[in-house]
Amino acid sequence: MSIRFPVEAKLKDGSPVQLVLADERDVEPLRRLYRVIVEEGTSYPHERLPDPDEFLEYWFRGKSTVAAYAPDRSRASEMAGAFYLKPNWPGRARHVANAGFIVAPAWRNKGLGWLLGATMLEYAKQLGYRSVIFNLVFADNRIARRLWEKLGFQELAVIPGAVRKNDGTYQDAIVMFRSLMSEEREVSSE
């Protein structure tokens, strides 16, 4: 299956969403959403919102970035979610992808994370990646870990005390991996 953007889809509750390849129109909506995610402190390592240049480097430069809007980009007031896809390493290992995901609080538990994850897997295959690795899944983020397992990821390693939480305590991080070369795996959409 070849993905062609924009992708029109419906979430579990029937809500329409549109996934688009992000461009300059999406920078500020994504930056506003990322501010919320950074302040939550439960899924990304930033302690503060990156400055504009750091933000572009983190989310756009050298990456394929996909944004989700409901009902679509032209009629949405805010971005519902997004992901980036990039090589995890350069050169001889650039066929191993890395991706990062965010979902706005109002759009959680509706199936948007699953849609973004499933879309990323298909898009990664289309771009020629052979596998996907997540370097830093916060151990306390059980919802994300469960989602990635449903999408066929396995836990490879635990990095003890890798992430400082907002309260000053530390939590482990999980390295998760999925091959894109094996036979098609069944994934449940919950």
N, C-alpha and C. Protein backbone atom coordinates (compact mmCIF):
# COMPACT_ATOMS: atom_id res chain seq x y z
N MET A 1 0.85 -1.18 0.00
CA MET A 1 0.00 0.00 0.00
C MET A 1 0.89 1.24 0.00
N SER A 2 0.62 2.15 -0.90
CA SER A 2 1.39 3.38 -0.99
C SER A 2 0.59 4.52 -0.36
N ILE A 3 1.23 5.24 0.54
CA ILE A 3 0.56 6.37 1.20
C ILE A 3 0.73 7.60 0.34
N ARG A 4 -0.39 8.29 0.13
CA ARG A 4 -0.40 9.55 -0.61
C ARG A 4 -1.05 10.59 0.29
N PHE A 5 -0.31 11.65 0.55
CA PHE A 5 -0.81 12.72 1.42
C PHE A 5 -1.52 13.77 0.58
N PRO A 6 -2.58 14.38 1.10
CA PRO A 6 -3.14 14.19 2.43
C PRO A 6 -3.87 12.85 2.56
N VAL A 7 -3.88 12.31 3.78
CA VAL A 7 -4.60 11.09 4.11
C VAL A 7 -5.85 11.51 4.87
N GLU A 8 -7.00 11.06 4.39
CA GLU A 8 -8.27 11.32 5.07
C GLU A 8 -8.62 10.05 5.85
N ALA A 9 -8.95 10.19 7.13
CA ALA A 9 -9.25 9.01 7.95
C ALA A 9 -10.30 9.38 8.99
N LYS A 10 -10.81 8.35 9.64
CA LYS A 10 -11.75 8.54 10.75
C LYS A 10 -11.19 7.84 11.98
N LEU A 11 -11.38 8.48 13.13
CA LEU A 11 -10.93 7.90 14.39
C LEU A 11 -11.99 6.95 14.93
N LYS A 12 -11.70 6.32 16.08
CA LYS A 12 -12.62 5.34 16.67
C LYS A 12 -14.02 5.89 16.86
N ASP A 13 -14.11 7.16 17.22
CA ASP A 13 -15.43 7.76 17.48
C ASP A 13 -16.07 8.35 16.22
N GLY A 14 -15.44 8.12 15.07
CA GLY A 14 -15.98 8.62 13.80
C GLY A 14 -15.50 10.01 13.43
N SER A 15 -14.70 10.65 14.28
CA SER A 15 -14.20 11.99 13.99
C SER A 15 -13.28 11.95 12.76
N PRO A 16 -13.50 12.86 11.81
CA PRO A 16 -12.61 12.90 10.65
C PRO A 16 -11.29 13.59 11.00
N VAL A 17 -10.23 13.07 10.44
CA VAL A 17 -8.91 13.70 10.58
C VAL A 17 -8.23 13.68 9.22
N GLN A 18 -7.31 14.61 9.07
CA GLN A 18 -6.51 14.69 7.85
C GLN A 18 -5.04 14.71 8.26
N LEU A 19 -4.26 13.82 7.64
CA LEU A 19 -2.82 13.80 7.85
C LEU A 19 -2.17 14.43 6.64
N VAL A 20 -1.28 15.40 6.88
CA VAL A 20 -0.61 16.12 5.80
C VAL A 20 0.89 16.09 6.03
N LEU A 21 1.65 16.14 4.93
CA LEU A 21 3.08 16.36 5.05
C LEU A 21 3.26 17.80 5.50
N ALA A 22 3.91 17.99 6.61
CA ALA A 22 4.04 19.32 7.19
C ALA A 22 4.95 20.20 6.36
N ASP A 23 4.62 21.48 6.34
CA ASP A 23 5.44 22.49 5.68
C ASP A 23 5.44 23.74 6.54
N GLU A 24 5.84 24.87 5.98
CA GLU A 24 5.97 26.10 6.77
C GLU A 24 4.66 26.52 7.44
N ARG A 25 3.50 26.17 6.86
CA ARG A 25 2.21 26.50 7.47
C ARG A 25 2.01 25.80 8.81
N ASP A 26 2.71 24.70 9.01
CA ASP A 26 2.50 23.87 10.19
C ASP A 26 3.48 24.15 11.32
N VAL A 27 4.47 24.98 11.08
CA VAL A 27 5.50 25.21 12.09
C VAL A 27 4.90 25.79 13.37
N GLU A 28 4.16 26.87 13.30
CA GLU A 28 3.62 27.49 14.51
C GLU A 28 2.57 26.64 15.21
N PRO A 29 1.62 26.01 14.47
CA PRO A 29 0.70 25.11 15.18
C PRO A 29 1.42 23.97 15.89
N LEU A 30 2.46 23.42 15.26
CA LEU A 30 3.22 22.34 15.89
C LEU A 30 4.00 22.86 17.09
N ARG A 31 4.55 24.04 16.97
CA ARG A 31 5.29 24.63 18.09
C ARG A 31 4.37 24.87 19.29
N ARG A 32 3.14 25.33 19.03
CA ARG A 32 2.18 25.53 20.13
C ARG A 32 1.84 24.20 20.81
N LEU A 33 1.62 23.17 20.01
CA LEU A 33 1.30 21.86 20.57
C LEU A 33 2.51 21.30 21.33
N TYR A 34 3.69 21.47 20.77
CA TYR A 34 4.89 20.94 21.43
C TYR A 34 5.13 21.61 22.77
N ARG A 35 4.78 22.88 22.89
CA ARG A 35 4.90 23.59 24.17
C ARG A 35 4.09 22.84 25.25
N VAL A 36 2.87 22.43 24.92
CA VAL A 36 2.03 21.69 25.86
C VAL A 36 2.69 20.37 26.26
N ILE A 37 3.24 19.67 25.28
CA ILE A 37 3.88 18.37 25.53
C ILE A 37 5.11 18.53 26.43
N VAL A 38 5.93 19.53 26.15
CA VAL A 38 7.13 19.77 26.95
C VAL A 38 6.74 20.11 28.39
N GLU A 39 5.72 20.94 28.56
CA GLU A 39 5.29 21.32 29.91
C GLU A 39 4.74 20.12 30.69
N GLU A 40 4.09 19.18 29.99
CA GLU A 40 3.62 17.96 30.67
C GLU A 40 4.79 17.17 31.24
N GLY A 41 5.88 17.11 30.49
CA GLY A 41 7.09 16.43 30.95
C GLY A 41 7.00 14.92 31.02
N THR A 42 6.08 14.31 30.29
CA THR A 42 5.87 12.86 30.41
C THR A 42 6.31 12.06 29.19
N SER A 43 6.83 12.73 28.14
CA SER A 43 7.17 11.95 26.95
C SER A 43 8.35 12.46 26.14
N TYR A 44 8.83 13.65 26.39
CA TYR A 44 9.97 14.20 25.65
C TYR A 44 11.00 14.75 26.63
N PRO A 45 12.29 14.72 26.27
CA PRO A 45 13.33 15.11 27.21
C PRO A 45 13.54 16.61 27.39
N HIS A 46 12.96 17.44 26.53
CA HIS A 46 13.18 18.88 26.68
C HIS A 46 12.64 19.38 28.02
N GLU A 47 13.41 20.28 28.66
CA GLU A 47 12.96 20.91 29.90
C GLU A 47 12.22 22.21 29.63
N ARG A 48 12.44 22.76 28.45
CA ARG A 48 11.79 24.01 28.04
C ARG A 48 11.53 23.91 26.54
N LEU A 49 10.64 24.74 26.08
CA LEU A 49 10.38 24.77 24.65
C LEU A 49 11.64 25.22 23.93
N PRO A 50 12.11 24.45 22.95
CA PRO A 50 13.31 24.87 22.22
C PRO A 50 13.08 26.22 21.53
N ASP A 51 14.15 27.00 21.37
CA ASP A 51 14.02 28.26 20.64
C ASP A 51 13.64 27.93 19.19
N PRO A 52 13.20 28.92 18.41
CA PRO A 52 12.70 28.63 17.07
C PRO A 52 13.65 27.83 16.19
N ASP A 53 14.93 28.13 16.21
CA ASP A 53 15.88 27.39 15.37
C ASP A 53 16.06 25.95 15.86
N GLU A 54 16.18 25.77 17.18
CA GLU A 54 16.29 24.41 17.75
C GLU A 54 15.04 23.60 17.45
N PHE A 55 13.89 24.25 17.51
CA PHE A 55 12.63 23.57 17.21
C PHE A 55 12.61 23.07 15.77
N LEU A 56 13.00 23.94 14.82
CA LEU A 56 13.04 23.52 13.41
C LEU A 56 14.01 22.37 13.21
N GLU A 57 15.13 22.42 13.89
CA GLU A 57 16.11 21.34 13.81
C GLU A 57 15.53 20.03 14.33
N TYR A 58 14.83 20.10 15.45
CA TYR A 58 14.31 18.90 16.11
C TYR A 58 13.15 18.29 15.33
N TRP A 59 12.26 19.11 14.77
CA TRP A 59 11.04 18.61 14.15
C TRP A 59 11.04 18.59 12.63
N PHE A 60 11.90 19.37 11.97
CA PHE A 60 11.77 19.50 10.52
C PHE A 60 13.02 19.18 9.71
N ARG A 61 14.15 19.72 10.06
CA ARG A 61 15.33 19.59 9.20
C ARG A 61 15.81 18.14 9.11
N GLY A 62 15.85 17.62 7.87
CA GLY A 62 16.29 16.25 7.64
C GLY A 62 15.27 15.20 8.04
N LYS A 63 14.04 15.62 8.22
CA LYS A 63 12.98 14.72 8.65
C LYS A 63 11.77 14.83 7.74
N SER A 64 10.97 13.79 7.74
CA SER A 64 9.63 13.85 7.16
C SER A 64 8.70 14.07 8.33
N THR A 65 7.96 15.15 8.31
CA THR A 65 7.05 15.47 9.41
C THR A 65 5.63 15.42 8.90
N VAL A 66 4.78 14.72 9.64
CA VAL A 66 3.38 14.56 9.27
C VAL A 66 2.55 15.18 10.39
N ALA A 67 1.59 16.01 10.01
CA ALA A 67 0.71 16.68 10.98
C ALA A 67 -0.71 16.17 10.81
N ALA A 68 -1.42 16.09 11.93
CA ALA A 68 -2.82 15.66 11.93
C ALA A 68 -3.70 16.83 12.34
N TYR A 69 -4.75 17.04 11.57
CA TYR A 69 -5.73 18.09 11.86
C TYR A 69 -7.13 17.49 11.81
N ALA A 70 -8.01 18.04 12.62
CA ALA A 70 -9.40 17.62 12.57
C ALA A 70 -10.27 18.85 12.44
N PRO A 71 -11.15 18.89 11.48
CA PRO A 71 -11.39 17.85 10.48
C PRO A 71 -10.34 17.82 9.37
N ASP A 72 -9.73 18.98 9.08
CA ASP A 72 -8.67 19.04 8.07
C ASP A 72 -7.85 20.31 8.33
N ARG A 73 -6.74 20.44 7.61
CA ARG A 73 -5.82 21.57 7.85
C ARG A 73 -6.51 22.91 7.68
N SER A 74 -7.33 23.06 6.66
CA SER A 74 -7.91 24.37 6.36
C SER A 74 -8.99 24.79 7.36
N ARG A 75 -9.64 23.84 8.03
CA ARG A 75 -10.74 24.19 8.94
C ARG A 75 -10.42 23.95 10.41
N ALA A 76 -9.24 23.47 10.72
CA ALA A 76 -8.89 23.18 12.11
C ALA A 76 -8.42 24.43 12.83
N SER A 77 -8.74 24.52 14.11
CA SER A 77 -8.25 25.65 14.90
C SER A 77 -6.87 25.35 15.48
N GLU A 78 -6.58 24.09 15.72
CA GLU A 78 -5.29 23.68 16.28
C GLU A 78 -4.89 22.33 15.68
N MET A 79 -3.63 22.00 15.80
CA MET A 79 -3.12 20.71 15.36
C MET A 79 -3.53 19.65 16.39
N ALA A 80 -3.96 18.48 15.89
CA ALA A 80 -4.37 17.39 16.78
C ALA A 80 -3.19 16.51 17.18
N GLY A 81 -2.20 16.38 16.31
CA GLY A 81 -1.05 15.54 16.60
C GLY A 81 -0.05 15.60 15.46
N ALA A 82 1.07 14.92 15.64
CA ALA A 82 2.11 14.93 14.60
C ALA A 82 3.12 13.84 14.88
N PHE A 83 3.91 13.52 13.85
CA PHE A 83 5.09 12.69 14.04
C PHE A 83 6.16 13.14 13.07
N TYR A 84 7.42 12.87 13.46
CA TYR A 84 8.53 13.04 12.53
C TYR A 84 9.14 11.68 12.29
N LEU A 85 9.79 11.53 11.15
CA LEU A 85 10.44 10.29 10.75
C LEU A 85 11.78 10.68 10.16
N LYS A 86 12.84 10.02 10.64
CA LYS A 86 14.19 10.38 10.19
C LYS A 86 15.10 9.17 10.34
N PRO A 87 16.26 9.19 9.70
CA PRO A 87 17.24 8.13 9.96
C PRO A 87 17.74 8.28 11.41
N ASN A 88 17.86 7.16 12.10
CA ASN A 88 18.39 7.20 13.46
C ASN A 88 19.88 7.45 13.46
N TRP A 89 20.57 6.93 12.45
CA TRP A 89 22.01 7.08 12.31
C TRP A 89 22.32 7.43 10.86
N PRO A 90 23.50 7.93 10.57
CA PRO A 90 23.88 8.27 9.19
C PRO A 90 24.47 7.07 8.44
N GLY A 91 24.77 7.31 7.17
CA GLY A 91 25.56 6.39 6.35
C GLY A 91 25.05 4.97 6.28
N ARG A 92 25.91 4.03 6.64
CA ARG A 92 25.61 2.61 6.51
C ARG A 92 24.44 2.13 7.36
N ALA A 93 24.02 2.94 8.30
CA ALA A 93 22.91 2.56 9.17
C ALA A 93 21.69 3.46 9.00
N ARG A 94 21.66 4.24 7.94
CA ARG A 94 20.54 5.18 7.76
C ARG A 94 19.22 4.51 7.39
N HIS A 95 19.24 3.21 7.17
CA HIS A 95 18.02 2.47 6.87
C HIS A 95 17.22 2.14 8.15
N VAL A 96 17.78 2.49 9.31
CA VAL A 96 17.07 2.33 10.58
C VAL A 96 16.44 3.68 10.92
N ALA A 97 15.12 3.71 10.97
CA ALA A 97 14.41 4.96 11.21
C ALA A 97 14.23 5.22 12.70
N ASN A 98 14.00 6.48 13.01
CA ASN A 98 13.61 6.93 14.34
C ASN A 98 12.40 7.82 14.12
N ALA A 99 11.49 7.82 15.08
CA ALA A 99 10.30 8.65 14.95
C ALA A 99 9.91 9.19 16.31
N GLY A 100 9.23 10.32 16.31
CA GLY A 100 8.71 10.92 17.52
C GLY A 100 7.27 11.32 17.29
N PHE A 101 6.43 11.18 18.30
CA PHE A 101 4.99 11.40 18.17
C PHE A 101 4.48 12.32 19.26
N ILE A 102 3.48 13.12 18.92
CA ILE A 102 2.75 13.89 19.92
C ILE A 102 1.27 13.89 19.55
N VAL A 103 0.44 13.87 20.58
CA VAL A 103 -1.01 13.95 20.41
C VAL A 103 -1.52 14.98 21.41
N ALA A 104 -2.32 15.93 20.93
CA ALA A 104 -2.88 16.96 21.80
C ALA A 104 -3.77 16.31 22.85
N PRO A 105 -3.77 16.83 24.08
CA PRO A 105 -4.58 16.23 25.14
C PRO A 105 -6.04 16.00 24.74
N ALA A 106 -6.64 16.92 24.02
CA ALA A 106 -8.05 16.77 23.64
C ALA A 106 -8.27 15.64 22.64
N TRP A 107 -7.21 15.15 22.01
CA TRP A 107 -7.35 14.11 20.99
C TRP A 107 -6.83 12.75 21.46
N ARG A 108 -6.51 12.63 22.72
CA ARG A 108 -6.03 11.35 23.25
C ARG A 108 -7.19 10.39 23.48
N ASN A 109 -6.88 9.11 23.45
CA ASN A 109 -7.86 8.03 23.67
C ASN A 109 -8.95 7.98 22.61
N LYS A 110 -8.65 8.48 21.42
CA LYS A 110 -9.61 8.44 20.32
C LYS A 110 -9.08 7.62 19.14
N GLY A 111 -7.85 7.11 19.28
CA GLY A 111 -7.27 6.33 18.20
C GLY A 111 -6.31 7.11 17.32
N LEU A 112 -6.06 8.38 17.64
CA LEU A 112 -5.16 9.18 16.81
C LEU A 112 -3.72 8.68 16.91
N GLY A 113 -3.28 8.30 18.11
CA GLY A 113 -1.93 7.77 18.26
C GLY A 113 -1.73 6.52 17.42
N TRP A 114 -2.73 5.63 17.45
CA TRP A 114 -2.64 4.41 16.64
C TRP A 114 -2.58 4.76 15.15
N LEU A 115 -3.43 5.69 14.71
CA LEU A 115 -3.44 6.10 13.30
C LEU A 115 -2.08 6.68 12.90
N LEU A 116 -1.53 7.54 13.73
CA LEU A 116 -0.22 8.13 13.44
C LEU A 116 0.86 7.05 13.39
N GLY A 117 0.83 6.12 14.35
CA GLY A 117 1.82 5.05 14.38
C GLY A 117 1.73 4.13 13.18
N ALA A 118 0.52 3.70 12.84
CA ALA A 118 0.33 2.82 11.68
C ALA A 118 0.72 3.53 10.39
N THR A 119 0.40 4.81 10.28
CA THR A 119 0.77 5.58 9.10
C THR A 119 2.29 5.70 9.00
N MET A 120 2.94 5.97 10.14
CA MET A 120 4.40 6.07 10.14
C MET A 120 5.04 4.78 9.66
N LEU A 121 4.54 3.63 10.12
CA LEU A 121 5.12 2.35 9.72
C LEU A 121 5.01 2.14 8.21
N GLU A 122 3.86 2.43 7.65
CA GLU A 122 3.68 2.28 6.20
C GLU A 122 4.55 3.28 5.44
N TYR A 123 4.59 4.51 5.92
CA TYR A 123 5.38 5.55 5.26
C TYR A 123 6.87 5.22 5.34
N ALA A 124 7.31 4.70 6.48
CA ALA A 124 8.72 4.32 6.64
C ALA A 124 9.10 3.23 5.63
N LYS A 125 8.23 2.24 5.46
CA LYS A 125 8.48 1.19 4.45
C LYS A 125 8.58 1.81 3.06
N GLN A 126 7.65 2.71 2.77
CA GLN A 126 7.61 3.37 1.47
C GLN A 126 8.90 4.16 1.21
N LEU A 127 9.46 4.75 2.25
CA LEU A 127 10.69 5.53 2.12
C LEU A 127 11.95 4.66 2.11
N GLY A 128 11.78 3.34 2.27
CA GLY A 128 12.91 2.42 2.18
C GLY A 128 13.58 2.05 3.50
N TYR A 129 12.99 2.46 4.61
CA TYR A 129 13.54 2.05 5.90
C TYR A 129 13.31 0.56 6.11
N ARG A 130 14.23 -0.07 6.82
CA ARG A 130 14.14 -1.51 7.10
C ARG A 130 13.68 -1.81 8.52
N SER A 131 13.74 -0.81 9.38
CA SER A 131 13.31 -0.98 10.77
C SER A 131 13.13 0.39 11.41
N VAL A 132 12.51 0.39 12.59
CA VAL A 132 12.27 1.62 13.34
C VAL A 132 12.71 1.37 14.78
N ILE A 133 13.43 2.33 15.34
CA ILE A 133 13.85 2.25 16.74
C ILE A 133 13.41 3.52 17.47
N PHE A 134 12.90 3.31 18.66
CA PHE A 134 12.61 4.43 19.56
C PHE A 134 13.67 4.39 20.64
N ASN A 135 14.46 5.43 20.76
CA ASN A 135 15.59 5.47 21.69
C ASN A 135 15.21 5.78 23.12
N LEU A 136 14.06 6.42 23.33
CA LEU A 136 13.77 6.97 24.66
C LEU A 136 12.26 6.99 24.91
N VAL A 137 11.68 5.82 25.18
CA VAL A 137 10.27 5.76 25.56
C VAL A 137 10.24 5.79 27.08
N PHE A 138 9.63 6.81 27.64
CA PHE A 138 9.60 6.95 29.09
C PHE A 138 8.88 5.75 29.70
N ALA A 139 9.50 5.10 30.68
CA ALA A 139 8.93 3.90 31.28
C ALA A 139 7.55 4.16 31.90
N ASP A 140 7.35 5.35 32.48
CA ASP A 140 6.06 5.66 33.09
C ASP A 140 4.96 5.94 32.06
N ASN A 141 5.31 6.08 30.80
CA ASN A 141 4.32 6.36 29.76
C ASN A 141 3.76 5.02 29.25
N ARG A 142 2.97 4.40 30.09
CA ARG A 142 2.45 3.06 29.81
C ARG A 142 1.50 3.05 28.60
N ILE A 143 0.78 4.13 28.38
CA ILE A 143 -0.13 4.19 27.23
C ILE A 143 0.67 4.10 25.94
N ALA A 144 1.75 4.86 25.85
CA ALA A 144 2.59 4.81 24.64
C ALA A 144 3.22 3.43 24.49
N ARG A 145 3.74 2.87 25.57
CA ARG A 145 4.38 1.55 25.48
C ARG A 145 3.39 0.50 25.00
N ARG A 146 2.17 0.53 25.51
CA ARG A 146 1.14 -0.42 25.09
C ARG A 146 0.80 -0.23 23.60
N LEU A 147 0.71 1.03 23.17
CA LEU A 147 0.43 1.31 21.76
C LEU A 147 1.53 0.73 20.88
N TRP A 148 2.79 0.99 21.23
CA TRP A 148 3.89 0.51 20.39
C TRP A 148 3.92 -1.02 20.36
N GLU A 149 3.60 -1.67 21.47
CA GLU A 149 3.54 -3.13 21.47
C GLU A 149 2.45 -3.62 20.53
N LYS A 150 1.28 -2.97 20.54
CA LYS A 150 0.19 -3.35 19.62
C LYS A 150 0.60 -3.17 18.17
N LEU A 151 1.47 -2.22 17.92
CA LEU A 151 1.94 -1.98 16.56
C LEU A 151 3.18 -2.81 16.21
N GLY A 152 3.50 -3.79 17.06
CA GLY A 152 4.55 -4.75 16.74
C GLY A 152 5.94 -4.44 17.25
N PHE A 153 6.09 -3.41 18.07
CA PHE A 153 7.40 -3.08 18.63
C PHE A 153 7.70 -4.00 19.81
N GLN A 154 8.97 -4.24 20.02
CA GLN A 154 9.41 -4.99 21.19
C GLN A 154 10.39 -4.16 21.99
N GLU A 155 10.43 -4.41 23.28
CA GLU A 155 11.37 -3.71 24.14
C GLU A 155 12.73 -4.38 24.02
N LEU A 156 13.76 -3.58 23.72
CA LEU A 156 15.11 -4.11 23.58
C LEU A 156 15.94 -3.93 24.83
N ALA A 157 15.76 -2.81 25.50
CA ALA A 157 16.63 -2.51 26.64
C ALA A 157 15.96 -1.49 27.54
N VAL A 158 16.43 -1.48 28.78
CA VAL A 158 16.00 -0.48 29.75
C VAL A 158 17.23 0.35 30.10
N ILE A 159 17.06 1.67 30.07
CA ILE A 159 18.13 2.58 30.48
C ILE A 159 17.73 3.11 31.86
N PRO A 160 18.35 2.59 32.92
CA PRO A 160 17.94 2.97 34.27
C PRO A 160 18.12 4.47 34.55
N GLY A 161 17.09 5.07 35.12
CA GLY A 161 17.18 6.46 35.56
C GLY A 161 17.52 7.45 34.47
N ALA A 162 17.13 7.19 33.25
CA ALA A 162 17.53 8.03 32.12
C ALA A 162 16.83 9.38 32.06
N VAL A 163 15.66 9.49 32.67
CA VAL A 163 14.85 10.70 32.51
C VAL A 163 14.52 11.31 33.87
N ARG A 164 14.82 12.60 34.01
CA ARG A 164 14.44 13.33 35.22
C ARG A 164 13.01 13.84 35.04
N LYS A 165 12.16 13.51 35.99
CA LYS A 165 10.76 13.92 35.94
C LYS A 165 10.61 15.33 36.50
N ASN A 166 9.44 15.92 36.30
CA ASN A 166 9.17 17.27 36.78
C ASN A 166 9.35 17.40 38.29
N ASP A 167 9.09 16.31 39.03
CA ASP A 167 9.23 16.36 40.49
C ASP A 167 10.65 16.12 40.98
N GLY A 168 11.61 15.98 40.05
CA GLY A 168 13.01 15.80 40.41
C GLY A 168 13.44 14.35 40.58
N THR A 169 12.50 13.41 40.57
CA THR A 169 12.85 11.99 40.64
C THR A 169 13.22 11.51 39.24
N TYR A 170 13.71 10.29 39.16
CA TYR A 170 14.16 9.74 37.88
C TYR A 170 13.34 8.52 37.50
N GLN A 171 13.17 8.35 36.20
CA GLN A 171 12.50 7.15 35.70
C GLN A 171 13.36 6.51 34.62
N ASP A 172 13.11 5.23 34.39
CA ASP A 172 13.81 4.51 33.35
C ASP A 172 13.28 4.91 31.98
N ALA A 173 14.06 4.63 30.96
CA ALA A 173 13.62 4.78 29.57
C ALA A 173 13.76 3.42 28.91
N ILE A 174 12.90 3.17 27.95
CA ILE A 174 12.87 1.91 27.23
C ILE A 174 13.29 2.17 25.78
N VAL A 175 14.15 1.30 25.25
CA VAL A 175 14.49 1.30 23.83
C VAL A 175 13.58 0.28 23.18
N MET A 176 12.82 0.71 22.16
CA MET A 176 11.87 -0.19 21.48
C MET A 176 12.23 -0.28 20.00
N PHE A 177 11.92 -1.43 19.40
CA PHE A 177 12.36 -1.71 18.03
C PHE A 177 11.29 -2.50 17.29
N ARG A 178 11.20 -2.23 15.98
CA ARG A 178 10.36 -3.04 15.11
C ARG A 178 11.02 -3.15 13.75
N SER A 179 11.13 -4.38 13.27
CA SER A 179 11.61 -4.61 11.92
C SER A 179 10.48 -4.31 10.95
N LEU A 180 10.83 -3.80 9.79
CA LEU A 180 9.85 -3.59 8.72
C LEU A 180 10.05 -4.63 7.63
N MET A 181 10.97 -5.57 7.84
CA MET A 181 11.33 -6.56 6.82
C MET A 181 10.59 -7.86 6.99
N SER A 182 10.09 -8.16 8.18
CA SER A 182 9.45 -9.45 8.41
C SER A 182 8.08 -9.48 7.75
N GLU A 183 7.47 -10.65 7.80
CA GLU A 183 6.13 -10.80 7.24
C GLU A 183 5.20 -9.80 7.90
N GLU A 184 4.15 -9.46 7.18
CA GLU A 184 3.19 -8.50 7.72
C GLU A 184 2.65 -9.01 9.06
N ARG A 185 2.72 -8.15 10.04
CA ARG A 185 2.21 -8.51 11.37
C ARG A 185 0.81 -7.96 11.52
N GLU A 186 0.02 -8.70 12.24
CA GLU A 186 -1.32 -8.21 12.57
C GLU A 186 -1.17 -7.14 13.64
N VAL A 187 -1.84 -6.04 13.45
CA VAL A 187 -1.86 -5.00 14.48
C VAL A 187 -3.30 -4.73 14.84
N SER A 188 -3.57 -4.64 16.12
CA SER A 188 -4.92 -4.36 16.54
C SER A 188 -5.11 -2.87 16.71
N SER A 189 -6.26 -2.39 16.31
CA SER A 189 -6.52 -0.94 16.39
C SER A 189 -7.28 -0.57 17.66
N GLU A 190 -7.38 -1.50 18.57
CA GLU A 190 -8.04 -1.29 19.86
C GLU A 190 -9.48 -0.98 19.68
